[in-house]
Amino acid sequence: MVAWDPNTAEDILVEHVKRFDKQSQPADYPVWRTHLRGNYQFLPRTVKRLAIEVENVVGWKITTRYDLGQFKRCLNAVREAEKVTGRHVAALNAGDHILVETIREGADGSLNGGDIYRQRRIWRSIYP
């Protein structure tokens, strides 16, 4: 975990993640996570920038607790980055509390713990 001020130190975080990306193999850590806790959060502009500048990212676990609006802003940032790079980055919900709503908004799926077989049955029952 890296702690930084998301409003004034975005460059520090981006540089940190880019160095990590260059030193790891593409399959090592391909999913990044946005995390909202206290003042340390990924802003949508940072999500977009990282999705553009970090070439090995293939998915983004978007943790926003109950804030569907923030999820949508981060999801839109990922989609905007795709238009620039031509690479699809999966936007994954993190949390059951707004699962259906995030899927309706265009999330590629969910990255939650638990019984994967049960989750697949639930997923198939709600996804047309």
C-alpha atoms as a PDB file:
ATOM      1  CA  MET A   1       0.000   0.000   0.000  1.00  0.00           C
ATOM      2  CA  VAL A   2       1.232   3.431  -0.907  1.00  0.00           C
ATOM      3  CA  ALA A   3      -0.090   6.441   0.999  1.00  0.00           C
ATOM      4  CA  TRP A   4      -0.106   9.786  -0.748  1.00  0.00           C
ATOM      5  CA  ASP A   5      -2.209  12.872  -1.165  1.00  0.00           C
ATOM      6  CA  PRO A   6      -4.301  12.110  -4.266  1.00  0.00           C
ATOM      7  CA  ASN A   7      -4.759  15.786  -5.090  1.00  0.00           C
ATOM      8  CA  THR A   8      -1.143  16.941  -4.984  1.00  0.00           C
ATOM      9  CA  ALA A   9       1.063  13.861  -5.391  1.00  0.00           C
ATOM     10  CA  GLU A  10      -0.440  12.026  -8.349  1.00  0.00           C
ATOM     11  CA  ASP A  11       2.917  11.977 -10.164  1.00  0.00           C
ATOM     12  CA  ILE A  12       4.545  10.124  -7.259  1.00  0.00           C
ATOM     13  CA  LEU A  13       1.943   7.370  -7.354  1.00  0.00           C
ATOM     14  CA  VAL A  14       2.051   7.054 -11.140  1.00  0.00           C
ATOM     15  CA  GLU A  15       5.845   6.808 -11.127  1.00  0.00           C
ATOM     16  CA  HIS A  16       5.732   4.206  -8.340  1.00  0.00           C
ATOM     17  CA  VAL A  17       3.249   2.012 -10.209  1.00  0.00           C
ATOM     18  CA  LYS A  18       5.104   2.372 -13.521  1.00  0.00           C
ATOM     19  CA  ARG A  19       8.379   1.267 -11.916  1.00  0.00           C
ATOM     20  CA  PHE A  20       6.633  -1.681 -10.291  1.00  0.00           C
ATOM     21  CA  ASP A  21       5.109  -2.585 -13.651  1.00  0.00           C
ATOM     22  CA  LYS A  22       8.468  -2.483 -15.444  1.00  0.00           C
ATOM     23  CA  GLN A  23      10.144  -4.690 -12.832  1.00  0.00           C
ATOM     24  CA  SER A  24       7.463  -7.386 -12.801  1.00  0.00           C
ATOM     25  CA  GLN A  25       6.491  -9.919 -15.406  1.00  0.00           C
ATOM     26  CA  PRO A  26       3.234  -9.131 -17.228  1.00  0.00           C
ATOM     27  CA  ALA A  27       1.390 -12.004 -15.561  1.00  0.00           C
ATOM     28  CA  ASP A  28       2.605 -11.242 -12.024  1.00  0.00           C
ATOM     29  CA  TYR A  29       0.265  -8.450 -10.952  1.00  0.00           C
ATOM     30  CA  PRO A  30      -2.013  -7.523 -13.835  1.00  0.00           C
ATOM     31  CA  VAL A  31      -4.962  -6.259 -11.780  1.00  0.00           C
ATOM     32  CA  TRP A  32      -4.727  -2.931  -9.983  1.00  0.00           C
ATOM     33  CA  ARG A  33      -7.081  -1.752  -7.321  1.00  0.00           C
ATOM     34  CA  THR A  34      -8.650   1.560  -6.516  1.00  0.00           C
ATOM     35  CA  HIS A  35      -9.215   1.951  -2.840  1.00  0.00           C
ATOM     36  CA  LEU A  36     -11.228   4.520  -0.960  1.00  0.00           C
ATOM     37  CA  ARG A  37     -10.277   4.751   2.670  1.00  0.00           C
ATOM     38  CA  GLY A  38      -9.758   7.998   4.464  1.00  0.00           C
ATOM     39  CA  ASN A  39      -7.976  10.544   2.285  1.00  0.00           C
ATOM     40  CA  TYR A  40      -6.022   7.993   0.245  1.00  0.00           C
ATOM     41  CA  GLN A  41      -8.048   7.306  -2.834  1.00  0.00           C
ATOM     42  CA  PHE A  42      -7.565   6.935  -6.530  1.00  0.00           C
ATOM     43  CA  LEU A  43      -9.162   9.824  -8.334  1.00  0.00           C
ATOM     44  CA  PRO A  44     -10.754   9.039 -11.697  1.00  0.00           C
ATOM     45  CA  ARG A  45      -8.096  11.098 -13.478  1.00  0.00           C
ATOM     46  CA  THR A  46      -5.418   8.962 -11.812  1.00  0.00           C
ATOM     47  CA  VAL A  47      -7.229   5.759 -12.808  1.00  0.00           C
ATOM     48  CA  LYS A  48      -7.288   6.960 -16.416  1.00  0.00           C
ATOM     49  CA  ARG A  49      -3.660   7.980 -16.378  1.00  0.00           C
ATOM     50  CA  LEU A  50      -2.523   4.666 -14.894  1.00  0.00           C
ATOM     51  CA  ALA A  51      -4.648   2.665 -17.341  1.00  0.00           C
ATOM     52  CA  ILE A  52      -2.931   4.555 -20.171  1.00  0.00           C
ATOM     53  CA  GLU A  53       0.637   4.615 -18.856  1.00  0.00           C
ATOM     54  CA  VAL A  54       0.886   1.149 -17.254  1.00  0.00           C
ATOM     55  CA  GLU A  55       0.956  -1.226 -20.201  1.00  0.00           C
ATOM     56  CA  ASN A  56       0.527  -4.496 -18.283  1.00  0.00           C
ATOM     57  CA  VAL A  57      -2.661  -3.606 -16.443  1.00  0.00           C
ATOM     58  CA  VAL A  58      -5.513  -5.848 -17.619  1.00  0.00           C
ATOM     59  CA  GLY A  59      -8.079  -5.223 -14.909  1.00  0.00           C
ATOM     60  CA  TRP A  60      -9.051  -2.728 -12.277  1.00  0.00           C
ATOM     61  CA  LYS A  61     -10.684  -3.696  -8.986  1.00  0.00           C
ATOM     62  CA  ILE A  62     -12.748  -0.635  -8.136  1.00  0.00           C
ATOM     63  CA  THR A  63     -13.466  -0.442  -4.418  1.00  0.00           C
ATOM     64  CA  THR A  64     -15.879   2.362  -3.624  1.00  0.00           C
ATOM     65  CA  ARG A  65     -17.924   0.928  -0.767  1.00  0.00           C
ATOM     66  CA  TYR A  66     -21.467   2.214  -1.302  1.00  0.00           C
ATOM     67  CA  ASP A  67     -20.591   5.055  -3.664  1.00  0.00           C
ATOM     68  CA  LEU A  68     -22.036   4.108  -7.047  1.00  0.00           C
ATOM     69  CA  GLY A  69     -21.236   7.574  -8.386  1.00  0.00           C
ATOM     70  CA  GLN A  70     -17.523   7.116  -7.675  1.00  0.00           C
ATOM     71  CA  PHE A  71     -17.620   3.670  -9.257  1.00  0.00           C
ATOM     72  CA  LYS A  72     -19.162   5.175 -12.402  1.00  0.00           C
ATOM     73  CA  ARG A  73     -16.516   7.911 -12.516  1.00  0.00           C
ATOM     74  CA  CYS A  74     -13.692   5.350 -12.232  1.00  0.00           C
ATOM     75  CA  LEU A  75     -15.383   3.072 -14.784  1.00  0.00           C
ATOM     76  CA  ASN A  76     -15.662   5.982 -17.222  1.00  0.00           C
ATOM     77  CA  ALA A  77     -11.976   6.769 -16.663  1.00  0.00           C
ATOM     78  CA  VAL A  78     -11.038   3.172 -17.561  1.00  0.00           C
ATOM     79  CA  ARG A  79     -13.201   3.320 -20.695  1.00  0.00           C
ATOM     80  CA  GLU A  80     -11.664   6.659 -21.727  1.00  0.00           C
ATOM     81  CA  ALA A  81      -8.196   5.119 -21.357  1.00  0.00           C
ATOM     82  CA  GLU A  82      -9.228   2.240 -23.623  1.00  0.00           C
ATOM     83  CA  LYS A  83     -10.064   4.729 -26.376  1.00  0.00           C
ATOM     84  CA  VAL A  84      -6.526   6.113 -26.128  1.00  0.00           C
ATOM     85  CA  THR A  85      -4.636   2.817 -25.894  1.00  0.00           C
ATOM     86  CA  GLY A  86      -6.850   0.375 -27.759  1.00  0.00           C
ATOM     87  CA  ARG A  87      -6.351  -2.065 -24.851  1.00  0.00           C
ATOM     88  CA  HIS A  88      -9.329  -3.373 -22.906  1.00  0.00           C
ATOM     89  CA  VAL A  89      -8.939  -3.048 -19.154  1.00  0.00           C
ATOM     90  CA  ALA A  90     -11.577  -4.967 -17.234  1.00  0.00           C
ATOM     91  CA  ALA A  91     -13.447  -2.846 -14.690  1.00  0.00           C
ATOM     92  CA  LEU A  92     -14.321  -5.103 -11.767  1.00  0.00           C
ATOM     93  CA  ASN A  93     -16.644  -4.356  -8.889  1.00  0.00           C
ATOM     94  CA  ALA A  94     -15.303  -4.998  -5.403  1.00  0.00           C
ATOM     95  CA  GLY A  95     -18.162  -5.603  -3.032  1.00  0.00           C
ATOM     96  CA  ASP A  96     -21.590  -7.184  -3.035  1.00  0.00           C
ATOM     97  CA  HIS A  97     -23.430  -4.095  -1.809  1.00  0.00           C
ATOM     98  CA  ILE A  98     -23.741  -2.496  -5.268  1.00  0.00           C
ATOM     99  CA  LEU A  99     -23.004  -5.529  -7.453  1.00  0.00           C
ATOM    100  CA  VAL A 100     -26.140  -5.418  -9.606  1.00  0.00           C
ATOM    101  CA  GLU A 101     -25.920  -1.655 -10.060  1.00  0.00           C
ATOM    102  CA  THR A 102     -22.270  -1.792 -11.162  1.00  0.00           C
ATOM    103  CA  ILE A 103     -23.028  -4.572 -13.644  1.00  0.00           C
ATOM    104  CA  ARG A 104     -25.858  -2.454 -15.064  1.00  0.00           C
ATOM    105  CA  GLU A 105     -23.427   0.449 -15.406  1.00  0.00           C
ATOM    106  CA  GLY A 106     -21.040  -1.679 -17.469  1.00  0.00           C
ATOM    107  CA  ALA A 107     -18.660  -3.381 -15.049  1.00  0.00           C
ATOM    108  CA  ASP A 108     -16.985  -6.428 -16.568  1.00  0.00           C
ATOM    109  CA  GLY A 109     -17.625  -8.482 -13.458  1.00  0.00           C
ATOM    110  CA  SER A 110     -16.866  -8.722  -9.790  1.00  0.00           C
ATOM    111  CA  LEU A 111     -13.724  -9.512  -7.853  1.00  0.00           C
ATOM    112  CA  ASN A 112     -15.058 -10.716  -4.524  1.00  0.00           C
ATOM    113  CA  GLY A 113     -13.996 -13.567  -2.312  1.00  0.00           C
ATOM    114  CA  GLY A 114     -16.127 -16.574  -1.579  1.00  0.00           C
ATOM    115  CA  ASP A 115     -17.578 -19.586  -3.332  1.00  0.00           C
ATOM    116  CA  ILE A 116     -16.822 -19.037  -7.017  1.00  0.00           C
ATOM    117  CA  TYR A 117     -19.326 -21.681  -8.166  1.00  0.00           C
ATOM    118  CA  ARG A 118     -22.149 -20.066  -6.216  1.00  0.00           C
ATOM    119  CA  GLN A 119     -21.111 -16.654  -7.505  1.00  0.00           C
ATOM    120  CA  ARG A 120     -21.200 -17.920 -11.091  1.00  0.00           C
ATOM    121  CA  ARG A 121     -24.719 -19.300 -10.604  1.00  0.00           C
ATOM    122  CA  ILE A 122     -25.838 -15.940  -9.203  1.00  0.00           C
ATOM    123  CA  TRP A 123     -24.066 -14.086 -12.000  1.00  0.00           C
ATOM    124  CA  ARG A 124     -25.743 -16.216 -14.671  1.00  0.00           C
ATOM    125  CA  SER A 125     -29.136 -15.664 -13.055  1.00  0.00           C
ATOM    126  CA  ILE A 126     -28.860 -11.851 -13.174  1.00  0.00           C
ATOM    127  CA  TYR A 127     -26.925 -11.360 -16.389  1.00  0.00           C
ATOM    128  CA  PRO A 128     -29.075 -11.699 -19.528  1.00  0.00           C
END
